[in-house]
Amino acid sequence: AVGLRSNTHAVLVALNRQSGDLASYQKKLIRIDNHMGIAIAGLTS
């Protein structure tokens, strides 16, 4: 997951991963509030 910011914006870019060929991609970006979000790396639980 990559994060970067400018004077006006903050951006998160994340690489989604499949646990197997038959599984969907796990979501890496989570909304916390209208003004904030997170990206994760590690144990999803």
ModelCIF file with pLDDT and N, C-alpha, C, O atoms, coordinates in Angstrom:
data_MODEL
#
_entry.id   MODEL 
#
_entity.id                         1 
_entity.type                       polymer 
_entity.pdbx_number_of_molecules   1 
#
_entity_poly.entity_id                      1 
_entity_poly.type                           'polypeptide(L)' 
_entity_poly.nstd_linkage                   no 
_entity_poly.nstd_monomer                   no 
_entity_poly.pdbx_seq_one_letter_code       AVGLRSNTHAVLVALNRQSGDLASYQKKLIRIDNHMGIAIAGLTS 
_entity_poly.pdbx_seq_one_letter_code_can   AVGLRSNTHAVLVALNRQSGDLASYQKKLIRIDNHMGIAIAGLTS 
_entity_poly.pdbx_strand_id                 A 
#
loop_
_entity_poly_seq.entity_id 
_entity_poly_seq.num 
_entity_poly_seq.mon_id 
_entity_poly_seq.hetero 
1 1  ALA n 
1 2  VAL n 
1 3  GLY n 
1 4  LEU n 
1 5  ARG n 
1 6  SER n 
1 7  ASN n 
1 8  THR n 
1 9  HIS n 
1 10 ALA n 
1 11 VAL n 
1 12 LEU n 
1 13 VAL n 
1 14 ALA n 
1 15 LEU n 
1 16 ASN n 
1 17 ARG n 
1 18 GLN n 
1 19 SER n 
1 20 GLY n 
1 21 ASP n 
1 22 LEU n 
1 23 ALA n 
1 24 SER n 
1 25 TYR n 
1 26 GLN n 
1 27 LYS n 
1 28 LYS n 
1 29 LEU n 
1 30 ILE n 
1 31 ARG n 
1 32 ILE n 
1 33 ASP n 
1 34 ASN n 
1 35 HIS n 
1 36 MET n 
1 37 GLY n 
1 38 ILE n 
1 39 ALA n 
1 40 ILE n 
1 41 ALA n 
1 42 GLY n 
1 43 LEU n 
1 44 THR n 
1 45 SER n 
#
_struct_asym.id          A 
_struct_asym.entity_id   1 
#
loop_
_ma_qa_metric.id 
_ma_qa_metric.mode 
_ma_qa_metric.name 
_ma_qa_metric.software_group_id 
_ma_qa_metric.type 
1 global pLDDT . pLDDT 
2 local  pLDDT . pLDDT 
#
_ma_qa_metric_global.metric_id      1 
_ma_qa_metric_global.metric_value   91.91 
_ma_qa_metric_global.model_id       1 
_ma_qa_metric_global.ordinal_id     1 
#
loop_
_ma_qa_metric_local.label_asym_id 
_ma_qa_metric_local.label_comp_id 
_ma_qa_metric_local.label_seq_id 
_ma_qa_metric_local.metric_id 
_ma_qa_metric_local.metric_value 
_ma_qa_metric_local.model_id 
_ma_qa_metric_local.ordinal_id 
A ALA 1  2 97.00 1 1  
A VAL 2  2 97.00 1 2  
A GLY 3  2 97.00 1 3  
A LEU 4  2 96.00 1 4  
A ARG 5  2 96.00 1 5  
A SER 6  2 96.00 1 6  
A ASN 7  2 96.00 1 7  
A THR 8  2 95.00 1 8  
A HIS 9  2 97.00 1 9  
A ALA 10 2 97.00 1 10 
A VAL 11 2 98.00 1 11 
A LEU 12 2 98.00 1 12 
A VAL 13 2 97.00 1 13 
A ALA 14 2 96.00 1 14 
A LEU 15 2 94.00 1 15 
A ASN 16 2 92.00 1 16 
A ARG 17 2 85.00 1 17 
A GLN 18 2 79.00 1 18 
A SER 19 2 75.00 1 19 
A GLY 20 2 74.00 1 20 
A ASP 21 2 75.00 1 21 
A LEU 22 2 74.00 1 22 
A ALA 23 2 78.00 1 23 
A SER 24 2 80.00 1 24 
A TYR 25 2 82.00 1 25 
A GLN 26 2 86.00 1 26 
A LYS 27 2 89.00 1 27 
A LYS 28 2 93.00 1 28 
A LEU 29 2 96.00 1 29 
A ILE 30 2 96.00 1 30 
A ARG 31 2 97.00 1 31 
A ILE 32 2 97.00 1 32 
A ASP 33 2 97.00 1 33 
A ASN 34 2 96.00 1 34 
A HIS 35 2 96.00 1 35 
A MET 36 2 97.00 1 36 
A GLY 37 2 97.00 1 37 
A ILE 38 2 97.00 1 38 
A ALA 39 2 97.00 1 39 
A ILE 40 2 96.00 1 40 
A ALA 41 2 96.00 1 41 
A GLY 42 2 94.00 1 42 
A LEU 43 2 93.00 1 43 
A THR 44 2 92.00 1 44 
A SER 45 2 93.00 1 45 
#
loop_
_atom_site.group_PDB 
_atom_site.id 
_atom_site.type_symbol 
_atom_site.label_atom_id 
_atom_site.label_alt_id 
_atom_site.label_comp_id 
_atom_site.label_asym_id 
_atom_site.label_entity_id 
_atom_site.label_seq_id 
_atom_site.pdbx_PDB_ins_code 
_atom_site.Cartn_x 
_atom_site.Cartn_y 
_atom_site.Cartn_z 
_atom_site.occupancy 
_atom_site.B_iso_or_equiv 
_atom_site.pdbx_formal_charge 
_atom_site.auth_seq_id 
_atom_site.auth_comp_id 
_atom_site.auth_asym_id 
_atom_site.auth_atom_id 
_atom_site.pdbx_PDB_model_num 
ATOM 1   N N  . ALA A 1 1  ? 0.865   -1.178  0.000  1.00 97.00 ? 1  ALA A N  1 
ATOM 2   C CA . ALA A 1 1  ? 0.000   0.000   0.000  1.00 97.00 ? 1  ALA A CA 1 
ATOM 3   C C  . ALA A 1 1  ? 0.899   1.225   0.000  1.00 97.00 ? 1  ALA A C  1 
ATOM 4   O O  . ALA A 1 1  ? 1.927   1.249   0.677  1.00 97.00 ? 1  ALA A O  1 
ATOM 5   N N  . VAL A 1 2  ? 0.512   2.242   -0.760 1.00 97.00 ? 2  VAL A N  1 
ATOM 6   C CA . VAL A 1 2  ? 1.308   3.459   -0.919 1.00 97.00 ? 2  VAL A CA 1 
ATOM 7   C C  . VAL A 1 2  ? 0.459   4.652   -0.523 1.00 97.00 ? 2  VAL A C  1 
ATOM 8   O O  . VAL A 1 2  ? -0.709  4.741   -0.902 1.00 97.00 ? 2  VAL A O  1 
ATOM 9   N N  . GLY A 1 3  ? 1.039   5.569   0.238  1.00 97.00 ? 3  GLY A N  1 
ATOM 10  C CA . GLY A 1 3  ? 0.362   6.812   0.596  1.00 97.00 ? 3  GLY A CA 1 
ATOM 11  C C  . GLY A 1 3  ? 1.235   8.004   0.247  1.00 97.00 ? 3  GLY A C  1 
ATOM 12  O O  . GLY A 1 3  ? 2.457   7.933   0.370  1.00 97.00 ? 3  GLY A O  1 
ATOM 13  N N  . LEU A 1 4  ? 0.621   9.100   -0.188 1.00 96.00 ? 4  LEU A N  1 
ATOM 14  C CA . LEU A 1 4  ? 1.340   10.329  -0.502 1.00 96.00 ? 4  LEU A CA 1 
ATOM 15  C C  . LEU A 1 4  ? 0.372   11.503  -0.394 1.00 96.00 ? 4  LEU A C  1 
ATOM 16  O O  . LEU A 1 4  ? -0.841  11.342  -0.531 1.00 96.00 ? 4  LEU A O  1 
ATOM 17  N N  . ARG A 1 5  ? 0.926   12.676  -0.147 1.00 96.00 ? 5  ARG A N  1 
ATOM 18  C CA . ARG A 1 5  ? 0.063   13.847  0.019  1.00 96.00 ? 5  ARG A CA 1 
ATOM 19  C C  . ARG A 1 5  ? 0.690   15.072  -0.630 1.00 96.00 ? 5  ARG A C  1 
ATOM 20  O O  . ARG A 1 5  ? 1.907   15.177  -0.787 1.00 96.00 ? 5  ARG A O  1 
ATOM 21  N N  . SER A 1 6  ? -0.194  15.994  -1.000 1.00 96.00 ? 6  SER A N  1 
ATOM 22  C CA . SER A 1 6  ? 0.215   17.287  -1.531 1.00 96.00 ? 6  SER A CA 1 
ATOM 23  C C  . SER A 1 6  ? -0.259  18.361  -0.568 1.00 96.00 ? 6  SER A C  1 
ATOM 24  O O  . SER A 1 6  ? -0.624  18.053  0.567  1.00 96.00 ? 6  SER A O  1 
ATOM 25  N N  . ASN A 1 7  ? -0.260  19.608  -0.999 1.00 96.00 ? 7  ASN A N  1 
ATOM 26  C CA . ASN A 1 7  ? -0.763  20.687  -0.152 1.00 96.00 ? 7  ASN A CA 1 
ATOM 27  C C  . ASN A 1 7  ? -2.283  20.695  -0.050 1.00 96.00 ? 7  ASN A C  1 
ATOM 28  O O  . ASN A 1 7  ? -2.848  21.368  0.813  1.00 96.00 ? 7  ASN A O  1 
ATOM 29  N N  . THR A 1 8  ? -2.944  19.946  -0.930 1.00 95.00 ? 8  THR A N  1 
ATOM 30  C CA . THR A 1 8  ? -4.408  19.981  -0.964 1.00 95.00 ? 8  THR A CA 1 
ATOM 31  C C  . THR A 1 8  ? -5.069  18.616  -0.817 1.00 95.00 ? 8  THR A C  1 
ATOM 32  O O  . THR A 1 8  ? -6.254  18.551  -0.491 1.00 95.00 ? 8  THR A O  1 
ATOM 33  N N  . HIS A 1 9  ? -4.345  17.530  -1.045 1.00 97.00 ? 9  HIS A N  1 
ATOM 34  C CA . HIS A 1 9  ? -4.955  16.203  -1.039 1.00 97.00 ? 9  HIS A CA 1 
ATOM 35  C C  . HIS A 1 9  ? -4.041  15.176  -0.375 1.00 97.00 ? 9  HIS A C  1 
ATOM 36  O O  . HIS A 1 9  ? -2.825  15.351  -0.305 1.00 97.00 ? 9  HIS A O  1 
ATOM 37  N N  . ALA A 1 10 ? -4.656  14.109  0.107  1.00 97.00 ? 10 ALA A N  1 
ATOM 38  C CA . ALA A 1 10 ? -3.945  12.912  0.559  1.00 97.00 ? 10 ALA A CA 1 
ATOM 39  C C  . ALA A 1 10 ? -4.491  11.729  -0.234 1.00 97.00 ? 10 ALA A C  1 
ATOM 40  O O  . ALA A 1 10 ? -5.702  11.597  -0.409 1.00 97.00 ? 10 ALA A O  1 
ATOM 41  N N  . VAL A 1 11 ? -3.599  10.879  -0.707 1.00 98.00 ? 11 VAL A N  1 
ATOM 42  C CA . VAL A 1 11 ? -3.963  9.778   -1.601 1.00 98.00 ? 11 VAL A CA 1 
ATOM 43  C C  . VAL A 1 11 ? -3.422  8.468   -1.055 1.00 98.00 ? 11 VAL A C  1 
ATOM 44  O O  . VAL A 1 11 ? -2.293  8.414   -0.568 1.00 98.00 ? 11 VAL A O  1 
ATOM 45  N N  . LEU A 1 12 ? -4.220  7.418   -1.134 1.00 98.00 ? 12 LEU A N  1 
ATOM 46  C CA . LEU A 1 12 ? -3.783  6.060   -0.829 1.00 98.00 ? 12 LEU A CA 1 
ATOM 47  C C  . LEU A 1 12 ? -4.001  5.186   -2.060 1.00 98.00 ? 12 LEU A C  1 
ATOM 48  O O  . LEU A 1 12 ? -5.050  5.252   -2.700 1.00 98.00 ? 12 LEU A O  1 
ATOM 49  N N  . VAL A 1 13 ? -3.011  4.377   -2.381 1.00 97.00 ? 13 VAL A N  1 
ATOM 50  C CA . VAL A 1 13 ? -3.101  3.441   -3.500 1.00 97.00 ? 13 VAL A CA 1 
ATOM 51  C C  . VAL A 1 13 ? -2.704  2.070   -2.961 1.00 97.00 ? 13 VAL A C  1 
ATOM 52  O O  . VAL A 1 13 ? -1.651  1.932   -2.339 1.00 97.00 ? 13 VAL A O  1 
ATOM 53  N N  . ALA A 1 14 ? -3.529  1.065   -3.192 1.00 96.00 ? 14 ALA A N  1 
ATOM 54  C CA . ALA A 1 14 ? -3.291  -0.247  -2.598 1.00 96.00 ? 14 ALA A CA 1 
ATOM 55  C C  . ALA A 1 14 ? -3.390  -1.349  -3.637 1.00 96.00 ? 14 ALA A C  1 
ATOM 56  O O  . ALA A 1 14 ? -4.160  -1.263  -4.594 1.00 96.00 ? 14 ALA A O  1 
ATOM 57  N N  . LEU A 1 15 ? -2.592  -2.388  -3.424 1.00 94.00 ? 15 LEU A N  1 
ATOM 58  C CA . LEU A 1 15 ? -2.599  -3.564  -4.295 1.00 94.00 ? 15 LEU A CA 1 
ATOM 59  C C  . LEU A 1 15 ? -3.466  -4.631  -3.660 1.00 94.00 ? 15 LEU A C  1 
ATOM 60  O O  . LEU A 1 15 ? -3.165  -5.110  -2.566 1.00 94.00 ? 15 LEU A O  1 
ATOM 61  N N  . ASN A 1 16 ? -4.543  -5.008  -4.336 1.00 92.00 ? 16 ASN A N  1 
ATOM 62  C CA . ASN A 1 16 ? -5.452  -6.028  -3.814 1.00 92.00 ? 16 ASN A CA 1 
ATOM 63  C C  . ASN A 1 16 ? -4.875  -7.414  -4.074 1.00 92.00 ? 16 ASN A C  1 
ATOM 64  O O  . ASN A 1 16 ? -4.189  -7.642  -5.070 1.00 92.00 ? 16 ASN A O  1 
ATOM 65  N N  . ARG A 1 17 ? -5.165  -8.329  -3.162 1.00 85.00 ? 17 ARG A N  1 
ATOM 66  C CA . ARG A 1 17 ? -4.605  -9.673  -3.270 1.00 85.00 ? 17 ARG A CA 1 
ATOM 67  C C  . ARG A 1 17 ? -5.711  -10.710 -3.205 1.00 85.00 ? 17 ARG A C  1 
ATOM 68  O O  . ARG A 1 17 ? -6.691  -10.547 -2.479 1.00 85.00 ? 17 ARG A O  1 
ATOM 69  N N  . GLN A 1 18 ? -5.542  -11.788 -3.980 1.00 79.00 ? 18 GLN A N  1 
ATOM 70  C CA . GLN A 1 18 ? -6.439  -12.944 -3.932 1.00 79.00 ? 18 GLN A CA 1 
ATOM 71  C C  . GLN A 1 18 ? -5.820  -14.018 -3.054 1.00 79.00 ? 18 GLN A C  1 
ATOM 72  O O  . GLN A 1 18 ? -4.619  -14.275 -3.141 1.00 79.00 ? 18 GLN A O  1 
ATOM 73  N N  . SER A 1 19 ? -6.639  -14.657 -2.197 1.00 75.00 ? 19 SER A N  1 
ATOM 74  C CA . SER A 1 19 ? -6.128  -15.782 -1.405 1.00 75.00 ? 19 SER A CA 1 
ATOM 75  C C  . SER A 1 19 ? -6.054  -17.052 -2.247 1.00 75.00 ? 19 SER A C  1 
ATOM 76  O O  . SER A 1 19 ? -5.396  -18.017 -1.860 1.00 75.00 ? 19 SER A O  1 
ATOM 77  N N  . GLY A 1 20 ? -6.726  -17.054 -3.399 1.00 74.00 ? 20 GLY A N  1 
ATOM 78  C CA . GLY A 1 20 ? -6.686  -18.194 -4.319 1.00 74.00 ? 20 GLY A CA 1 
ATOM 79  C C  . GLY A 1 20 ? -7.350  -17.826 -5.632 1.00 74.00 ? 20 GLY A C  1 
ATOM 80  O O  . GLY A 1 20 ? -8.004  -16.787 -5.733 1.00 74.00 ? 20 GLY A O  1 
ATOM 81  N N  . ASP A 1 21 ? -7.186  -18.669 -6.632 1.00 75.00 ? 21 ASP A N  1 
ATOM 82  C CA . ASP A 1 21 ? -7.741  -18.371 -7.949 1.00 75.00 ? 21 ASP A CA 1 
ATOM 83  C C  . ASP A 1 21 ? -9.263  -18.292 -7.943 1.00 75.00 ? 21 ASP A C  1 
ATOM 84  O O  . ASP A 1 21 ? -9.849  -17.618 -8.790 1.00 75.00 ? 21 ASP A O  1 
ATOM 85  N N  . LEU A 1 22 ? -9.910  -18.971 -6.999 1.00 74.00 ? 22 LEU A N  1 
ATOM 86  C CA . LEU A 1 22 ? -11.365 -18.988 -6.939 1.00 74.00 ? 22 LEU A CA 1 
ATOM 87  C C  . LEU A 1 22 ? -11.927 -17.913 -6.024 1.00 74.00 ? 22 LEU A C  1 
ATOM 88  O O  . LEU A 1 22 ? -13.144 -17.797 -5.877 1.00 74.00 ? 22 LEU A O  1 
ATOM 89  N N  . ALA A 1 23 ? -11.055 -17.130 -5.410 1.00 78.00 ? 23 ALA A N  1 
ATOM 90  C CA . ALA A 1 23 ? -11.499 -16.116 -4.454 1.00 78.00 ? 23 ALA A CA 1 
ATOM 91  C C  . ALA A 1 23 ? -11.513 -14.739 -5.107 1.00 78.00 ? 23 ALA A C  1 
ATOM 92  O O  . ALA A 1 23 ? -10.807 -14.487 -6.084 1.00 78.00 ? 23 ALA A O  1 
ATOM 93  N N  . SER A 1 24 ? -12.328 -13.861 -4.549 1.00 80.00 ? 24 SER A N  1 
ATOM 94  C CA . SER A 1 24 ? -12.338 -12.481 -5.000 1.00 80.00 ? 24 SER A CA 1 
ATOM 95  C C  . SER A 1 24 ? -11.161 -11.729 -4.383 1.00 80.00 ? 24 SER A C  1 
ATOM 96  O O  . SER A 1 24 ? -10.506 -12.229 -3.469 1.00 80.00 ? 24 SER A O  1 
ATOM 97  N N  . TYR A 1 25 ? -10.899 -10.523 -4.889 1.00 82.00 ? 25 TYR A N  1 
ATOM 98  C CA . TYR A 1 25 ? -9.824  -9.707  -4.343 1.00 82.00 ? 25 TYR A CA 1 
ATOM 99  C C  . TYR A 1 25 ? -10.269 -9.095  -3.018 1.00 82.00 ? 25 TYR A C  1 
ATOM 100 O O  . TYR A 1 25 ? -11.396 -8.619  -2.882 1.00 82.00 ? 25 TYR A O  1 
ATOM 101 N N  . GLN A 1 26 ? -9.354  -9.119  -2.039 1.00 86.00 ? 26 GLN A N  1 
ATOM 102 C CA . GLN A 1 26 ? -9.648  -8.496  -0.757 1.00 86.00 ? 26 GLN A CA 1 
ATOM 103 C C  . GLN A 1 26 ? -9.544  -6.983  -0.879 1.00 86.00 ? 26 GLN A C  1 
ATOM 104 O O  . GLN A 1 26 ? -8.670  -6.462  -1.573 1.00 86.00 ? 26 GLN A O  1 
ATOM 105 N N  . LYS A 1 27 ? -10.433 -6.293  -0.207 1.00 89.00 ? 27 LYS A N  1 
ATOM 106 C CA . LYS A 1 27 ? -10.404 -4.833  -0.220 1.00 89.00 ? 27 LYS A CA 1 
ATOM 107 C C  . LYS A 1 27 ? -9.338  -4.346  0.756  1.00 89.00 ? 27 LYS A C  1 
ATOM 108 O O  . LYS A 1 27 ? -9.217  -4.846  1.874  1.00 89.00 ? 27 LYS A O  1 
ATOM 109 N N  . LYS A 1 28 ? -8.569  -3.359  0.304  1.00 93.00 ? 28 LYS A N  1 
ATOM 110 C CA . LYS A 1 28 ? -7.475  -2.837  1.116  1.00 93.00 ? 28 LYS A CA 1 
ATOM 111 C C  . LYS A 1 28 ? -7.741  -1.431  1.648  1.00 93.00 ? 28 LYS A C  1 
ATOM 112 O O  . LYS A 1 28 ? -7.024  -0.966  2.534  1.00 93.00 ? 28 LYS A O  1 
ATOM 113 N N  . LEU A 1 29 ? -8.754  -0.751  1.126  1.00 96.00 ? 29 LEU A N  1 
ATOM 114 C CA . LEU A 1 29 ? -9.068  0.616   1.542  1.00 96.00 ? 29 LEU A CA 1 
ATOM 115 C C  . LEU A 1 29 ? -10.383 0.627   2.309  1.00 96.00 ? 29 LEU A C  1 
ATOM 116 O O  . LEU A 1 29 ? -11.373 0.045   1.865  1.00 96.00 ? 29 LEU A O  1 
ATOM 117 N N  . ILE A 1 30 ? -10.391 1.287   3.460  1.00 96.00 ? 30 ILE A N  1 
ATOM 118 C CA . ILE A 1 30 ? -11.556 1.298   4.342  1.00 96.00 ? 30 ILE A CA 1 
ATOM 119 C C  . ILE A 1 30 ? -11.899 2.739   4.697  1.00 96.00 ? 30 ILE A C  1 
ATOM 120 O O  . ILE A 1 30 ? -11.034 3.515   5.103  1.00 96.00 ? 30 ILE A O  1 
ATOM 121 N N  . ARG A 1 31 ? -13.160 3.083   4.541  1.00 97.00 ? 31 ARG A N  1 
ATOM 122 C CA . ARG A 1 31 ? -13.615 4.415   4.933  1.00 97.00 ? 31 ARG A CA 1 
ATOM 123 C C  . ARG A 1 31 ? -13.815 4.480   6.439  1.00 97.00 ? 31 ARG A C  1 
ATOM 124 O O  . ARG A 1 31 ? -14.429 3.590   7.027  1.00 97.00 ? 31 ARG A O  1 
ATOM 125 N N  . ILE A 1 32 ? -13.296 5.534   7.063  1.00 97.00 ? 32 ILE A N  1 
ATOM 126 C CA . ILE A 1 32 ? -13.492 5.770   8.494  1.00 97.00 ? 32 ILE A CA 1 
ATOM 127 C C  . ILE A 1 32 ? -14.532 6.861   8.717  1.00 97.00 ? 32 ILE A C  1 
ATOM 128 O O  . ILE A 1 32 ? -15.428 6.699   9.546  1.00 97.00 ? 32 ILE A O  1 
ATOM 129 N N  . ASP A 1 33 ? -14.427 7.960   7.995  1.00 97.00 ? 33 ASP A N  1 
ATOM 130 C CA . ASP A 1 33 ? -15.379 9.062   8.075  1.00 97.00 ? 33 ASP A CA 1 
ATOM 131 C C  . ASP A 1 33 ? -15.317 9.798   6.744  1.00 97.00 ? 33 ASP A C  1 
ATOM 132 O O  . ASP A 1 33 ? -14.537 9.434   5.864  1.00 97.00 ? 33 ASP A O  1 
ATOM 133 N N  . ASN A 1 34 ? -16.135 10.829  6.598  1.00 96.00 ? 34 ASN A N  1 
ATOM 134 C CA . ASN A 1 34 ? -16.138 11.570  5.340  1.00 96.00 ? 34 ASN A CA 1 
ATOM 135 C C  . ASN A 1 34 ? -14.785 12.195  5.025  1.00 96.00 ? 34 ASN A C  1 
ATOM 136 O O  . ASN A 1 34 ? -14.472 12.439  3.860  1.00 96.00 ? 34 ASN A O  1 
ATOM 137 N N  . HIS A 1 35 ? -13.981 12.455  6.052  1.00 96.00 ? 35 HIS A N  1 
ATOM 138 C CA . HIS A 1 35 ? -12.709 13.150  5.850  1.00 96.00 ? 35 HIS A CA 1 
ATOM 139 C C  . HIS A 1 35 ? -11.506 12.241  6.044  1.00 96.00 ? 35 HIS A C  1 
ATOM 140 O O  . HIS A 1 35 ? -10.380 12.732  6.131  1.00 96.00 ? 35 HIS A O  1 
ATOM 141 N N  . MET A 1 36 ? -11.711 10.924  6.115  1.00 97.00 ? 36 MET A N  1 
ATOM 142 C CA . MET A 1 36 ? -10.603 10.052  6.477  1.00 97.00 ? 36 MET A CA 1 
ATOM 143 C C  . MET A 1 36 ? -10.826 8.630   5.980  1.00 97.00 ? 36 MET A C  1 
ATOM 144 O O  . MET A 1 36 ? -11.951 8.131   5.964  1.00 97.00 ? 36 MET A O  1 
ATOM 145 N N  . GLY A 1 37 ? -9.721  7.979   5.571  1.00 97.00 ? 37 GLY A N  1 
ATOM 146 C CA . GLY A 1 37 ? -9.752  6.573   5.188  1.00 97.00 ? 37 GLY A CA 1 
ATOM 147 C C  . GLY A 1 37 ? -8.421  5.932   5.483  1.00 97.00 ? 37 GLY A C  1 
ATOM 148 O O  . GLY A 1 37 ? -7.441  6.626   5.755  1.00 97.00 ? 37 GLY A O  1 
ATOM 149 N N  . ILE A 1 38 ? -8.372  4.604   5.433  1.00 97.00 ? 38 ILE A N  1 
ATOM 150 C CA . ILE A 1 38 ? -7.134  3.890   5.732  1.00 97.00 ? 38 ILE A CA 1 
ATOM 151 C C  . ILE A 1 38 ? -6.845  2.854   4.656  1.00 97.00 ? 38 ILE A C  1 
ATOM 152 O O  . ILE A 1 38 ? -7.745  2.383   3.961  1.00 97.00 ? 38 ILE A O  1 
ATOM 153 N N  . ALA A 1 39 ? -5.553  2.510   4.535  1.00 97.00 ? 39 ALA A N  1 
ATOM 154 C CA . ALA A 1 39 ? -5.103  1.362   3.745  1.00 97.00 ? 39 ALA A CA 1 
ATOM 155 C C  . ALA A 1 39 ? -4.415  0.407   4.699  1.00 97.00 ? 39 ALA A C  1 
ATOM 156 O O  . ALA A 1 39 ? -3.797  0.846   5.669  1.00 97.00 ? 39 ALA A O  1 
ATOM 157 N N  . ILE A 1 40 ? -4.509  -0.882  4.447  1.00 96.00 ? 40 ILE A N  1 
ATOM 158 C CA . ILE A 1 40 ? -4.005  -1.886  5.378  1.00 96.00 ? 40 ILE A CA 1 
ATOM 159 C C  . ILE A 1 40 ? -3.004  -2.803  4.687  1.00 96.00 ? 40 ILE A C  1 
ATOM 160 O O  . ILE A 1 40 ? -3.047  -3.006  3.473  1.00 96.00 ? 40 ILE A O  1 
ATOM 161 N N  . ALA A 1 41 ? -2.093  -3.356  5.503  1.00 96.00 ? 41 ALA A N  1 
ATOM 162 C CA . ALA A 1 41 ? -1.180  -4.405  5.056  1.00 96.00 ? 41 ALA A CA 1 
ATOM 163 C C  . ALA A 1 41 ? -0.939  -5.317  6.245  1.00 96.00 ? 41 ALA A C  1 
ATOM 164 O O  . ALA A 1 41 ? -0.442  -4.875  7.281  1.00 96.00 ? 41 ALA A O  1 
ATOM 165 N N  . GLY A 1 42 ? -1.292  -6.597  6.100  1.00 94.00 ? 42 GLY A N  1 
ATOM 166 C CA . GLY A 1 42 ? -1.143  -7.529  7.198  1.00 94.00 ? 42 GLY A CA 1 
ATOM 167 C C  . GLY A 1 42 ? -2.402  -8.351  7.389  1.00 94.00 ? 42 GLY A C  1 
ATOM 168 O O  . GLY A 1 42 ? -3.058  -8.718  6.414  1.00 94.00 ? 42 GLY A O  1 
ATOM 169 N N  . LEU A 1 43 ? -2.746  -8.643  8.633  1.00 93.00 ? 43 LEU A N  1 
ATOM 170 C CA . LEU A 1 43 ? -3.904  -9.478  8.950  1.00 93.00 ? 43 LEU A CA 1 
ATOM 171 C C  . LEU A 1 43 ? -5.198  -8.679  8.797  1.00 93.00 ? 43 LEU A C  1 
ATOM 172 O O  . LEU A 1 43 ? -5.416  -7.690  9.495  1.00 93.00 ? 43 LEU A O  1 
ATOM 173 N N  . THR A 1 44 ? -6.038  -9.117  7.887  1.00 92.00 ? 44 THR A N  1 
ATOM 174 C CA . THR A 1 44 ? -7.282  -8.400  7.622  1.00 92.00 ? 44 THR A CA 1 
ATOM 175 C C  . THR A 1 44 ? -8.198  -8.400  8.839  1.00 92.00 ? 44 THR A C  1 
ATOM 176 O O  . THR A 1 44 ? -8.885  -7.409  9.087  1.00 92.00 ? 44 THR A O  1 
ATOM 177 N N  . SER A 1 45 ? -8.223  -9.487  9.600  1.00 93.00 ? 45 SER A N  1 
ATOM 178 C CA . SER A 1 45 ? -9.092  -9.559  10.774 1.00 93.00 ? 45 SER A CA 1 
ATOM 179 C C  . SER A 1 45 ? -8.704  -8.509  11.810 1.00 93.00 ? 45 SER A C  1 
ATOM 180 O O  . SER A 1 45 ? -9.330  -8.423  12.866 1.00 93.00 ? 45 SER A O  1 
#
